[in-house]
Amino acid sequence: EKRALQAEENLRRAKLDNSLAAQRLQDEFKKLSEELTLQFKESEESTMKAEAEAQELRLQISILEEHLQKATTELELVQDQCKTEVENLSSLLTENETEFTQLSLA
């Protein structure tokens, strides 16, 4: 009977130990689950923020490309105008040189 009582006591202690261990595991699981949920939400927020920033950068790139194209077109126009002006001035210079030469010979 003494051994039976001891066995019952050991069984009660084992059940209590197991119950406490199970409770600790449940608490730890709950804590880890909450941490993972928080990390997932933070990750989602970071992803959404990064996507918004990427979209804004794409928009800025598009605007800059438009400005670059406009500036390139304007530069080409100015270069053409300068070339035409240089050609006109060169032609005028040639005419003046010819006229000067003719006047000098006269």
PDB file of N, CA and C in Angstrom:
ATOM      1  N   GLU A   1       0.819  -1.196   0.000  1.00  0.00           N
ATOM      2  CA  GLU A   1       0.000   0.000   0.000  1.00  0.00           C
ATOM      3  C   GLU A   1       0.867   1.265   0.000  1.00  0.00           C
ATOM      4  N   LYS A   2       1.978   1.192   0.689  1.00  0.00           N
ATOM      5  CA  LYS A   2       2.888   2.334   0.717  1.00  0.00           C
ATOM      6  C   LYS A   2       3.427   2.608  -0.691  1.00  0.00           C
ATOM      7  N   ARG A   3       3.740   1.509  -1.405  1.00  0.00           N
ATOM      8  CA  ARG A   3       4.243   1.681  -2.769  1.00  0.00           C
ATOM      9  C   ARG A   3       3.146   2.222  -3.685  1.00  0.00           C
ATOM     10  N   ALA A   4       1.950   1.820  -3.468  1.00  0.00           N
ATOM     11  CA  ALA A   4       0.828   2.295  -4.276  1.00  0.00           C
ATOM     12  C   ALA A   4       0.618   3.787  -4.038  1.00  0.00           C
ATOM     13  N   LEU A   5       0.698   4.197  -2.765  1.00  0.00           N
ATOM     14  CA  LEU A   5       0.564   5.623  -2.446  1.00  0.00           C
ATOM     15  C   LEU A   5       1.706   6.428  -3.070  1.00  0.00           C
ATOM     16  N   GLN A   6       2.912   5.859  -2.991  1.00  0.00           N
ATOM     17  CA  GLN A   6       4.082   6.524  -3.583  1.00  0.00           C
ATOM     18  C   GLN A   6       3.914   6.632  -5.105  1.00  0.00           C
ATOM     19  N   ALA A   7       3.405   5.567  -5.723  1.00  0.00           N
ATOM     20  CA  ALA A   7       3.198   5.564  -7.169  1.00  0.00           C
ATOM     21  C   ALA A   7       2.148   6.601  -7.559  1.00  0.00           C
ATOM     22  N   GLU A   8       1.069   6.683  -6.746  1.00  0.00           N
ATOM     23  CA  GLU A   8       0.033   7.683  -7.009  1.00  0.00           C
ATOM     24  C   GLU A   8       0.596   9.096  -6.877  1.00  0.00           C
ATOM     25  N   GLU A   9       1.421   9.303  -5.853  1.00  0.00           N
ATOM     26  CA  GLU A   9       2.053  10.614  -5.641  1.00  0.00           C
ATOM     27  C   GLU A   9       2.972  10.952  -6.821  1.00  0.00           C
ATOM     28  N   ASN A  10       3.751   9.968  -7.249  1.00  0.00           N
ATOM     29  CA  ASN A  10       4.637  10.173  -8.400  1.00  0.00           C
ATOM     30  C   ASN A  10       3.835  10.491  -9.663  1.00  0.00           C
ATOM     31  N   LEU A  11       2.712   9.803  -9.826  1.00  0.00           N
ATOM     32  CA  LEU A  11       1.851  10.037 -10.980  1.00  0.00           C
ATOM     33  C   LEU A  11       1.261  11.447 -10.940  1.00  0.00           C
ATOM     34  N   ARG A  12       0.803  11.874  -9.735  1.00  0.00           N
ATOM     35  CA  ARG A  12       0.269  13.232  -9.582  1.00  0.00           C
ATOM     36  C   ARG A  12       1.343  14.276  -9.912  1.00  0.00           C
ATOM     37  N   ARG A  13       2.564  14.040  -9.415  1.00  0.00           N
ATOM     38  CA  ARG A  13       3.667  14.977  -9.695  1.00  0.00           C
ATOM     39  C   ARG A  13       3.985  15.011 -11.198  1.00  0.00           C
ATOM     40  N   ALA A  14       3.989  13.848 -11.809  1.00  0.00           N
ATOM     41  CA  ALA A  14       4.273  13.776 -13.244  1.00  0.00           C
ATOM     42  C   ALA A  14       3.192  14.514 -14.031  1.00  0.00           C
ATOM     43  N   LYS A  15       1.912  14.310 -13.621  1.00  0.00           N
ATOM     44  CA  LYS A  15       0.811  15.009 -14.290  1.00  0.00           C
ATOM     45  C   LYS A  15       0.945  16.522 -14.110  1.00  0.00           C
ATOM     46  N   LEU A  16       1.289  16.946 -12.892  1.00  0.00           N
ATOM     47  CA  LEU A  16       1.463  18.369 -12.609  1.00  0.00           C
ATOM     48  C   LEU A  16       2.625  18.935 -13.432  1.00  0.00           C
ATOM     49  N   ASP A  17       3.752  18.198 -13.442  1.00  0.00           N
ATOM     50  CA  ASP A  17       4.913  18.638 -14.226  1.00  0.00           C
ATOM     51  C   ASP A  17       4.557  18.740 -15.712  1.00  0.00           C
ATOM     52  N   ASN A  18       3.848  17.721 -16.195  1.00  0.00           N
ATOM     53  CA  ASN A  18       3.436  17.727 -17.603  1.00  0.00           C
ATOM     54  C   ASN A  18       2.473  18.877 -17.896  1.00  0.00           C
ATOM     55  N   SER A  19       1.566  19.120 -16.969  1.00  0.00           N
ATOM     56  CA  SER A  19       0.609  20.212 -17.128  1.00  0.00           C
ATOM     57  C   SER A  19       1.331  21.560 -17.168  1.00  0.00           C
ATOM     58  N   LEU A  20       2.307  21.735 -16.263  1.00  0.00           N
ATOM     59  CA  LEU A  20       3.082  22.980 -16.234  1.00  0.00           C
ATOM     60  C   LEU A  20       3.917  23.135 -17.511  1.00  0.00           C
ATOM     61  N   ALA A  21       4.512  22.035 -17.963  1.00  0.00           N
ATOM     62  CA  ALA A  21       5.309  22.072 -19.190  1.00  0.00           C
ATOM     63  C   ALA A  21       4.420  22.411 -20.387  1.00  0.00           C
ATOM     64  N   ALA A  22       3.220  21.810 -20.432  1.00  0.00           N
ATOM     65  CA  ALA A  22       2.286  22.084 -21.522  1.00  0.00           C
ATOM     66  C   ALA A  22       1.870  23.556 -21.502  1.00  0.00           C
ATOM     67  N   GLN A  23       1.629  24.095 -20.303  1.00  0.00           N
ATOM     68  CA  GLN A  23       1.248  25.508 -20.182  1.00  0.00           C
ATOM     69  C   GLN A  23       2.384  26.423 -20.656  1.00  0.00           C
ATOM     70  N   ARG A  24       3.630  26.081 -20.260  1.00  0.00           N
ATOM     71  CA  ARG A  24       4.786  26.873 -20.708  1.00  0.00           C
ATOM     72  C   ARG A  24       4.914  26.835 -22.231  1.00  0.00           C
ATOM     73  N   LEU A  25       4.721  25.641 -22.809  1.00  0.00           N
ATOM     74  CA  LEU A  25       4.800  25.511 -24.264  1.00  0.00           C
ATOM     75  C   LEU A  25       3.700  26.319 -24.961  1.00  0.00           C
ATOM     76  N   GLN A  26       2.490  26.284 -24.389  1.00  0.00           N
ATOM     77  CA  GLN A  26       1.396  27.063 -24.972  1.00  0.00           C
ATOM     78  C   GLN A  26       1.691  28.563 -24.886  1.00  0.00           C
ATOM     79  N   ASP A  27       2.215  28.998 -23.735  1.00  0.00           N
ATOM     80  CA  ASP A  27       2.562  30.414 -23.571  1.00  0.00           C
ATOM     81  C   ASP A  27       3.654  30.825 -24.558  1.00  0.00           C
ATOM     82  N   GLU A  28       4.656  29.961 -24.701  1.00  0.00           N
ATOM     83  CA  GLU A  28       5.750  30.254 -25.628  1.00  0.00           C
ATOM     84  C   GLU A  28       5.238  30.285 -27.071  1.00  0.00           C
ATOM     85  N   PHE A  29       4.362  29.345 -27.410  1.00  0.00           N
ATOM     86  CA  PHE A  29       3.783  29.317 -28.748  1.00  0.00           C
ATOM     87  C   PHE A  29       2.977  30.587 -29.011  1.00  0.00           C
ATOM     88  N   LYS A  30       2.186  31.007 -28.028  1.00  0.00           N
ATOM     89  CA  LYS A  30       1.383  32.223 -28.172  1.00  0.00           C
ATOM     90  C   LYS A  30       2.292  33.437 -28.384  1.00  0.00           C
ATOM     91  N   LYS A  31       3.363  33.509 -27.597  1.00  0.00           N
ATOM     92  CA  LYS A  31       4.305  34.627 -27.717  1.00  0.00           C
ATOM     93  C   LYS A  31       4.953  34.637 -29.103  1.00  0.00           C
ATOM     94  N   LEU A  32       5.416  33.475 -29.559  1.00  0.00           N
ATOM     95  CA  LEU A  32       6.036  33.382 -30.880  1.00  0.00           C
ATOM     96  C   LEU A  32       5.041  33.717 -31.990  1.00  0.00           C
ATOM     97  N   SER A  33       3.812  33.268 -31.818  1.00  0.00           N
ATOM     98  CA  SER A  33       2.772  33.552 -32.801  1.00  0.00           C
ATOM     99  C   SER A  33       2.517  35.058 -32.890  1.00  0.00           C
ATOM    100  N   GLU A  34       2.453  35.721 -31.749  1.00  0.00           N
ATOM    101  CA  GLU A  34       2.248  37.172 -31.731  1.00  0.00           C
ATOM    102  C   GLU A  34       3.433  37.898 -32.369  1.00  0.00           C
ATOM    103  N   GLU A  35       4.652  37.433 -32.086  1.00  0.00           N
ATOM    104  CA  GLU A  35       5.846  38.046 -32.680  1.00  0.00           C
ATOM    105  C   GLU A  35       5.840  37.887 -34.198  1.00  0.00           C
ATOM    106  N   LEU A  36       5.486  36.692 -34.662  1.00  0.00           N
ATOM    107  CA  LEU A  36       5.431  36.451 -36.108  1.00  0.00           C
ATOM    108  C   LEU A  36       4.357  37.306 -36.773  1.00  0.00           C
ATOM    109  N   THR A  37       3.216  37.441 -36.119  1.00  0.00           N
ATOM    110  CA  THR A  37       2.143  38.276 -36.658  1.00  0.00           C
ATOM    111  C   THR A  37       2.609  39.720 -36.777  1.00  0.00           C
ATOM    112  N   LEU A  38       3.273  40.219 -35.746  1.00  0.00           N
ATOM    113  CA  LEU A  38       3.791  41.587 -35.762  1.00  0.00           C
ATOM    114  C   LEU A  38       4.835  41.755 -36.868  1.00  0.00           C
ATOM    115  N   GLN A  39       5.745  40.796 -36.971  1.00  0.00           N
ATOM    116  CA  GLN A  39       6.779  40.875 -38.011  1.00  0.00           C
ATOM    117  C   GLN A  39       6.157  40.828 -39.407  1.00  0.00           C
ATOM    118  N   PHE A  40       5.127  40.016 -39.572  1.00  0.00           N
ATOM    119  CA  PHE A  40       4.452  39.929 -40.864  1.00  0.00           C
ATOM    120  C   PHE A  40       3.795  41.262 -41.217  1.00  0.00           C
ATOM    121  N   LYS A  41       3.117  41.875 -40.237  1.00  0.00           N
ATOM    122  CA  LYS A  41       2.484  43.176 -40.480  1.00  0.00           C
ATOM    123  C   LYS A  41       3.535  44.230 -40.829  1.00  0.00           C
ATOM    124  N   GLU A  42       4.650  44.228 -40.092  1.00  0.00           N
ATOM    125  CA  GLU A  42       5.726  45.182 -40.379  1.00  0.00           C
ATOM    126  C   GLU A  42       6.289  44.952 -41.777  1.00  0.00           C
ATOM    127  N   SER A  43       6.425  43.690 -42.140  1.00  0.00           N
ATOM    128  CA  SER A  43       6.931  43.354 -43.472  1.00  0.00           C
ATOM    129  C   SER A  43       5.964  43.830 -44.556  1.00  0.00           C
ATOM    130  N   GLU A  44       4.675  43.616 -44.334  1.00  0.00           N
ATOM    131  CA  GLU A  44       3.667  44.079 -45.289  1.00  0.00           C
ATOM    132  C   GLU A  44       3.715  45.597 -45.432  1.00  0.00           C
ATOM    133  N   GLU A  45       3.822  46.299 -44.301  1.00  0.00           N
ATOM    134  CA  GLU A  45       3.886  47.760 -44.331  1.00  0.00           C
ATOM    135  C   GLU A  45       5.133  48.224 -45.076  1.00  0.00           C
ATOM    136  N   SER A  46       6.255  47.572 -44.815  1.00  0.00           N
ATOM    137  CA  SER A  46       7.499  47.933 -45.504  1.00  0.00           C
ATOM    138  C   SER A  46       7.375  47.681 -47.003  1.00  0.00           C
ATOM    139  N   THR A  47       6.755  46.577 -47.359  1.00  0.00           N
ATOM    140  CA  THR A  47       6.566  46.246 -48.772  1.00  0.00           C
ATOM    141  C   THR A  47       5.679  47.279 -49.457  1.00  0.00           C
ATOM    142  N   MET A  48       4.578  47.646 -48.805  1.00  0.00           N
ATOM    143  CA  MET A  48       3.681  48.642 -49.390  1.00  0.00           C
ATOM    144  C   MET A  48       4.386  49.991 -49.524  1.00  0.00           C
ATOM    145  N   LYS A  49       5.169  50.353 -48.517  1.00  0.00           N
ATOM    146  CA  LYS A  49       5.913  51.617 -48.573  1.00  0.00           C
ATOM    147  C   LYS A  49       6.930  51.581 -49.712  1.00  0.00           C
ATOM    148  N   ALA A  50       7.643  50.469 -49.838  1.00  0.00           N
ATOM    149  CA  ALA A  50       8.636  50.328 -50.910  1.00  0.00           C
ATOM    150  C   ALA A  50       7.965  50.382 -52.281  1.00  0.00           C
ATOM    151  N   GLU A  51       6.801  49.754 -52.414  1.00  0.00           N
ATOM    152  CA  GLU A  51       6.079  49.786 -53.688  1.00  0.00           C
ATOM    153  C   GLU A  51       5.635  51.206 -54.023  1.00  0.00           C
ATOM    154  N   ALA A  52       5.164  51.944 -53.013  1.00  0.00           N
ATOM    155  CA  ALA A  52       4.749  53.331 -53.236  1.00  0.00           C
ATOM    156  C   ALA A  52       5.944  54.191 -53.644  1.00  0.00           C
ATOM    157  N   GLU A  53       7.068  53.985 -52.976  1.00  0.00           N
ATOM    158  CA  GLU A  53       8.279  54.739 -53.321  1.00  0.00           C
ATOM    159  C   GLU A  53       8.745  54.398 -54.736  1.00  0.00           C
ATOM    160  N   ALA A  54       8.680  53.124 -55.089  1.00  0.00           N
ATOM    161  CA  ALA A  54       9.082  52.702 -56.434  1.00  0.00           C
ATOM    162  C   ALA A  54       8.177  53.340 -57.486  1.00  0.00           C
ATOM    163  N   GLN A  55       6.888  53.381 -57.213  1.00  0.00           N
ATOM    164  CA  GLN A  55       5.944  54.002 -58.149  1.00  0.00           C
ATOM    165  C   GLN A  55       6.249  55.490 -58.296  1.00  0.00           C
ATOM    166  N   GLU A  56       6.523  56.156 -57.186  1.00  0.00           N
ATOM    167  CA  GLU A  56       6.869  57.584 -57.223  1.00  0.00           C
ATOM    168  C   GLU A  56       8.155  57.800 -58.028  1.00  0.00           C
ATOM    169  N   LEU A  57       9.140  56.938 -57.828  1.00  0.00           N
ATOM    170  CA  LEU A  57      10.394  57.055 -58.581  1.00  0.00           C
ATOM    171  C   LEU A  57      10.172  56.822 -60.075  1.00  0.00           C
ATOM    172  N   ARG A  58       9.316  55.856 -60.413  1.00  0.00           N
ATOM    173  CA  ARG A  58       9.007  55.622 -61.828  1.00  0.00           C
ATOM    174  C   ARG A  58       8.349  56.856 -62.448  1.00  0.00           C
ATOM    175  N   LEU A  59       7.464  57.491 -61.689  1.00  0.00           N
ATOM    176  CA  LEU A  59       6.806  58.708 -62.167  1.00  0.00           C
ATOM    177  C   LEU A  59       7.832  59.823 -62.371  1.00  0.00           C
ATOM    178  N   GLN A  60       8.730  59.985 -61.406  1.00  0.00           N
ATOM    179  CA  GLN A  60       9.766  61.014 -61.525  1.00  0.00           C
ATOM    180  C   GLN A  60      10.678  60.740 -62.720  1.00  0.00           C
ATOM    181  N   ILE A  61      11.031  59.477 -62.926  1.00  0.00           N
ATOM    182  CA  ILE A  61      11.862  59.115 -64.081  1.00  0.00           C
ATOM    183  C   ILE A  61      11.141  59.474 -65.378  1.00  0.00           C
ATOM    184  N   SER A  62       9.862  59.178 -65.438  1.00  0.00           N
ATOM    185  CA  SER A  62       9.083  59.488 -66.638  1.00  0.00           C
ATOM    186  C   SER A  62       9.073  60.993 -66.902  1.00  0.00           C
ATOM    187  N   ILE A  63       8.872  61.771 -65.851  1.00  0.00           N
ATOM    188  CA  ILE A  63       8.869  63.234 -65.993  1.00  0.00           C
ATOM    189  C   ILE A  63      10.240  63.726 -66.443  1.00  0.00           C
ATOM    190  N   LEU A  64      11.287  63.192 -65.832  1.00  0.00           N
ATOM    191  CA  LEU A  64      12.645  63.595 -66.211  1.00  0.00           C
ATOM    192  C   LEU A  64      12.961  63.219 -67.656  1.00  0.00           C
ATOM    193  N   GLU A  65      12.493  62.054 -68.078  1.00  0.00           N
ATOM    194  CA  GLU A  65      12.709  61.641 -69.469  1.00  0.00           C
ATOM    195  C   GLU A  65      12.004  62.594 -70.434  1.00  0.00           C
ATOM    196  N   GLU A  66      10.793  63.036 -70.060  1.00  0.00           N
ATOM    197  CA  GLU A  66      10.071  64.000 -70.893  1.00  0.00           C
ATOM    198  C   GLU A  66      10.840  65.319 -70.973  1.00  0.00           C
ATOM    199  N   HIS A  67      11.335  65.786 -69.818  1.00  0.00           N
ATOM    200  CA  HIS A  67      12.117  67.027 -69.799  1.00  0.00           C
ATOM    201  C   HIS A  67      13.386  66.883 -70.640  1.00  0.00           C
ATOM    202  N   LEU A  68      14.031  65.742 -70.526  1.00  0.00           N
ATOM    203  CA  LEU A  68      15.246  65.499 -71.306  1.00  0.00           C
ATOM    204  C   LEU A  68      14.939  65.518 -72.797  1.00  0.00           C
ATOM    205  N   GLN A  69      13.861  64.869 -73.180  1.00  0.00           N
ATOM    206  CA  GLN A  69      13.477  64.847 -74.598  1.00  0.00           C
ATOM    207  C   GLN A  69      13.187  66.260 -75.092  1.00  0.00           C
ATOM    208  N   LYS A  70      12.470  67.035 -74.295  1.00  0.00           N
ATOM    209  CA  LYS A  70      12.150  68.417 -74.671  1.00  0.00           C
ATOM    210  C   LYS A  70      13.430  69.246 -74.795  1.00  0.00           C
ATOM    211  N   ALA A  71      14.332  69.101 -73.828  1.00  0.00           N
ATOM    212  CA  ALA A  71      15.589  69.850 -73.859  1.00  0.00           C
ATOM    213  C   ALA A  71      16.438  69.441 -75.060  1.00  0.00           C
ATOM    214  N   THR A  72      16.451  68.148 -75.372  1.00  0.00           N
ATOM    215  CA  THR A  72      17.207  67.662 -76.530  1.00  0.00           C
ATOM    216  C   THR A  72      16.645  68.256 -77.820  1.00  0.00           C
ATOM    217  N   THR A  73      15.331  68.273 -77.927  1.00  0.00           N
ATOM    218  CA  THR A  73      14.686  68.848 -79.112  1.00  0.00           C
ATOM    219  C   THR A  73      15.017  70.335 -79.234  1.00  0.00           C
ATOM    220  N   GLU A  74      14.928  71.050 -78.116  1.00  0.00           N
ATOM    221  CA  GLU A  74      15.246  72.481 -78.129  1.00  0.00           C
ATOM    222  C   GLU A  74      16.714  72.713 -78.486  1.00  0.00           C
ATOM    223  N   LEU A  75      17.599  71.877 -77.960  1.00  0.00           N
ATOM    224  CA  LEU A  75      19.023  72.001 -78.273  1.00  0.00           C
ATOM    225  C   LEU A  75      19.270  71.795 -79.760  1.00  0.00           C
ATOM    226  N   GLU A  76      18.631  70.789 -80.332  1.00  0.00           N
ATOM    227  CA  GLU A  76      18.786  70.538 -81.766  1.00  0.00           C
ATOM    228  C   GLU A  76      18.293  71.734 -82.576  1.00  0.00           C
ATOM    229  N   LEU A  77      17.187  72.329 -82.149  1.00  0.00           N
ATOM    230  CA  LEU A  77      16.650  73.501 -82.839  1.00  0.00           C
ATOM    231  C   LEU A  77      17.636  74.671 -82.766  1.00  0.00           C
ATOM    232  N   VAL A  78      18.175  74.924 -81.587  1.00  0.00           N
ATOM    233  CA  VAL A  78      19.144  76.009 -81.415  1.00  0.00           C
ATOM    234  C   VAL A  78      20.400  75.735 -82.231  1.00  0.00           C
ATOM    235  N   GLN A  79      20.847  74.474 -82.242  1.00  0.00           N
ATOM    236  CA  GLN A  79      22.029  74.132 -83.043  1.00  0.00           C
ATOM    237  C   GLN A  79      21.772  74.387 -84.528  1.00  0.00           C
ATOM    238  N   ASP A  80      20.586  74.021 -84.997  1.00  0.00           N
ATOM    239  CA  ASP A  80      20.235  74.261 -86.403  1.00  0.00           C
ATOM    240  C   ASP A  80      20.199  75.758 -86.698  1.00  0.00           C
ATOM    241  N   GLN A  81      19.623  76.522 -85.772  1.00  0.00           N
ATOM    242  CA  GLN A  81      19.566  77.972 -85.958  1.00  0.00           C
ATOM    243  C   GLN A  81      20.970  78.574 -85.991  1.00  0.00           C
ATOM    244  N   CYS A  82      21.827  78.110 -85.096  1.00  0.00           N
ATOM    245  CA  CYS A  82      23.209  78.605 -85.058  1.00  0.00           C
ATOM    246  C   CYS A  82      23.948  78.245 -86.342  1.00  0.00           C
ATOM    247  N   LYS A  83      23.732  77.033 -86.811  1.00  0.00           N
ATOM    248  CA  LYS A  83      24.383  76.598 -88.050  1.00  0.00           C
ATOM    249  C   LYS A  83      23.930  77.477 -89.213  1.00  0.00           C
ATOM    250  N   THR A  84      22.633  77.728 -89.277  1.00  0.00           N
ATOM    251  CA  THR A  84      22.092  78.585 -90.338  1.00  0.00           C
ATOM    252  C   THR A  84      22.674  79.990 -90.230  1.00  0.00           C
ATOM    253  N   GLU A  85      22.737  80.515 -89.030  1.00  0.00           N
ATOM    254  CA  GLU A  85      23.291  81.858 -88.817  1.00  0.00           C
ATOM    255  C   GLU A  85      24.768  81.912 -89.213  1.00  0.00           C
ATOM    256  N   VAL A  86      25.533  80.895 -88.843  1.00  0.00           N
ATOM    257  CA  VAL A  86      26.953  80.840 -89.218  1.00  0.00           C
ATOM    258  C   VAL A  86      27.084  80.784 -90.740  1.00  0.00           C
ATOM    259  N   GLU A  87      26.246  79.986 -91.385  1.00  0.00           N
ATOM    260  CA  GLU A  87      26.281  79.899 -92.849  1.00  0.00           C
ATOM    261  C   GLU A  87      25.942  81.251 -93.478  1.00  0.00           C
ATOM    262  N   ASN A  88      24.932  81.926 -92.940  1.00  0.00           N
ATOM    263  CA  ASN A  88      24.549  83.246 -93.455  1.00  0.00           C
ATOM    264  C   ASN A  88      25.678  84.255 -93.273  1.00  0.00           C
ATOM    265  N   LEU A  89      26.265  84.234 -92.074  1.00  0.00           N
ATOM    266  CA  LEU A  89      27.365  85.169 -91.809  1.00  0.00           C
ATOM    267  C   LEU A  89      28.577  84.859 -92.687  1.00  0.00           C
ATOM    268  N   SER A  90      28.839  83.588 -92.887  1.00  0.00           N
ATOM    269  CA  SER A  90      29.953  83.188 -93.748  1.00  0.00           C
ATOM    270  C   SER A  90      29.717  83.661 -95.181  1.00  0.00           C
ATOM    271  N   SER A  91      28.492  83.498 -95.643  1.00  0.00           N
ATOM    272  CA  SER A  91      28.136  83.938 -96.992  1.00  0.00           C
ATOM    273  C   SER A  91      28.261  85.455 -97.105  1.00  0.00           C
ATOM    274  N   LEU A  92      27.791  86.160 -96.087  1.00  0.00           N
ATOM    275  CA  LEU A  92      27.886  87.616 -96.075  1.00  0.00           C
ATOM    276  C   LEU A  92      29.341  88.058 -96.061  1.00  0.00           C
ATOM    277  N   LEU A  93      30.160  87.367 -95.287  1.00  0.00           N
ATOM    278  CA  LEU A  93      31.588  87.685 -95.233  1.00  0.00           C
ATOM    279  C   LEU A  93      32.239  87.487 -96.603  1.00  0.00           C
ATOM    280  N   THR A  94      31.873  86.392 -97.235  1.00  0.00           N
ATOM    281  CA  THR A  94      32.420  86.124 -98.570  1.00  0.00           C
ATOM    282  C   THR A  94      32.004  87.225 -99.541  1.00  0.00           C
ATOM    283  N   GLU A  95      30.743  87.630 -99.492  1.00  0.00           N
ATOM    284  CA  GLU A  95      30.256  88.707-100.362  1.00  0.00           C
ATOM    285  C   GLU A  95      31.005  90.008-100.084  1.00  0.00           C
ATOM    286  N   ASN A  96      31.195  90.312 -98.803  1.00  0.00           N
ATOM    287  CA  ASN A  96      31.896  91.543 -98.431  1.00  0.00           C
ATOM    288  C   ASN A  96      33.350  91.503 -98.881  1.00  0.00           C
ATOM    289  N   GLU A  97      33.969  90.331 -98.752  1.00  0.00           N
ATOM    290  CA  GLU A  97      35.362  90.201 -99.203  1.00  0.00           C
ATOM    291  C   GLU A  97      35.454  90.412-100.716  1.00  0.00           C
ATOM    292  N   THR A  98      34.490  89.828-101.425  1.00  0.00           N
ATOM    293  CA  THR A  98      34.474  89.986-102.883  1.00  0.00           C
ATOM    294  C   THR A  98      34.278  91.453-103.252  1.00  0.00           C
ATOM    295  N   GLU A  99      33.335  92.100-102.584  1.00  0.00           N
ATOM    296  CA  GLU A  99      33.064  93.515-102.851  1.00  0.00           C
ATOM    297  C   GLU A  99      34.288  94.366-102.516  1.00  0.00           C
ATOM    298  N   PHE A 100      34.931  94.058-101.403  1.00  0.00           N
ATOM    299  CA  PHE A 100      36.128  94.806-100.993  1.00  0.00           C
ATOM    300  C   PHE A 100      37.242  94.643-102.023  1.00  0.00           C
ATOM    301  N   THR A 101      37.388  93.404-102.490  1.00  0.00           N
ATOM    302  CA  THR A 101      38.417  93.126-103.487  1.00  0.00           C
ATOM    303  C   THR A 101      38.132  93.906-104.768  1.00  0.00           C
ATOM    304  N   GLN A 102      36.869  93.927-105.168  1.00  0.00           N
ATOM    305  CA  GLN A 102      36.492  94.647-106.392  1.00  0.00           C
ATOM    306  C   GLN A 102      36.717  96.147-106.228  1.00  0.00           C
ATOM    307  N   LEU A 103      36.398  96.668-105.045  1.00  0.00           N
ATOM    308  CA  LEU A 103      36.595  98.095-104.801  1.00  0.00           C
ATOM    309  C   LEU A 103      38.077  98.442-104.743  1.00  0.00           C
ATOM    310  N   SER A 104      38.847  97.526-104.225  1.00  0.00           N
ATOM    311  CA  SER A 104      40.291  97.756-104.129  1.00  0.00           C
ATOM    312  C   SER A 104      40.933  97.776-105.499  1.00  0.00           C
ATOM    313  N   LEU A 105      40.410  96.967-106.405  1.00  0.00           N
ATOM    314  CA  LEU A 105      40.978  96.885-107.742  1.00  0.00           C
ATOM    315  C   LEU A 105      40.521  98.044-108.619  1.00  0.00           C
ATOM    316  N   ALA A 106      39.459  98.665-108.242  1.00  0.00           N
ATOM    317  CA  ALA A 106      38.910  99.728-109.092  1.00  0.00           C
ATOM    318  C   ALA A 106      39.628 101.035-108.981  1.00  0.00           C
TER     319      ALA A 106
END
